[in-house]
Protein backbone atom coordinates (compact mmCIF):
# COMPACT_ATOMS: atom_id res chain seq x y z
CA MET A 1 1.30 -18.24 -3.61
CA ILE A 2 -0.56 -14.95 -3.57
CA GLU A 3 -2.23 -13.98 -6.85
CA PHE A 4 -1.79 -10.37 -7.98
CA LYS A 5 -3.68 -10.50 -11.28
CA GLY A 6 -5.42 -7.30 -12.32
CA VAL A 7 -3.70 -5.01 -9.81
CA HIS A 8 -2.34 -1.57 -10.65
CA TYR A 9 0.78 -1.69 -8.47
CA PRO A 10 3.78 -4.01 -8.38
CA LYS A 11 3.67 -6.92 -5.95
CA SER A 12 6.44 -5.37 -3.82
CA VAL A 13 4.43 -2.18 -3.28
CA ILE A 14 1.33 -4.09 -2.22
CA LEU A 15 3.27 -6.27 0.20
CA GLN A 16 5.03 -3.25 1.72
CA ALA A 17 1.69 -1.49 2.25
CA VAL A 18 0.22 -4.57 3.92
CA PHE A 19 3.31 -4.93 6.09
CA PHE A 20 3.06 -1.34 7.37
CA TYR A 21 -0.70 -1.62 7.89
CA LEU A 22 -0.46 -4.82 9.93
CA ARG A 23 2.84 -4.25 11.76
CA TYR A 24 2.31 -0.69 12.93
CA ALA A 25 -1.51 -0.53 12.97
CA VAL A 26 -1.50 2.68 10.95
CA SER A 27 -4.65 4.19 9.49
CA TYR A 28 -5.31 4.20 5.76
CA ARG A 29 -4.53 7.93 5.74
CA ASP A 30 -1.16 7.36 7.43
CA LEU A 31 -0.40 4.49 5.09
CA GLU A 32 -1.22 6.70 2.13
CA GLU A 33 1.27 9.30 3.41
CA ILE A 34 3.99 6.68 3.97
CA LEU A 35 3.62 5.40 0.43
CA ALA A 36 3.51 8.94 -0.99
CA GLU A 37 6.85 9.66 0.70
CA ARG A 38 8.24 6.68 -1.21
CA GLY A 39 6.90 7.95 -4.52
CA VAL A 40 3.83 5.72 -4.80
CA PRO A 41 0.78 7.72 -5.89
CA SER A 42 -2.50 6.91 -4.19
CA THR A 43 -5.79 6.40 -5.96
CA THR A 44 -7.91 5.82 -2.85
CA ARG A 45 -11.27 7.55 -3.13
CA ARG A 46 -13.86 7.63 -0.41
């Protein structure tokens, strides 16, 4: 079982992001846009 202790997003959001990242080989920027379209705010800072 995957541990999700101390995360800021629900397990379903994390798994969906990983699915898109691995399945479609999208960039972090594209993934951020996909999640934003679904109402998930991004806190990625670089």
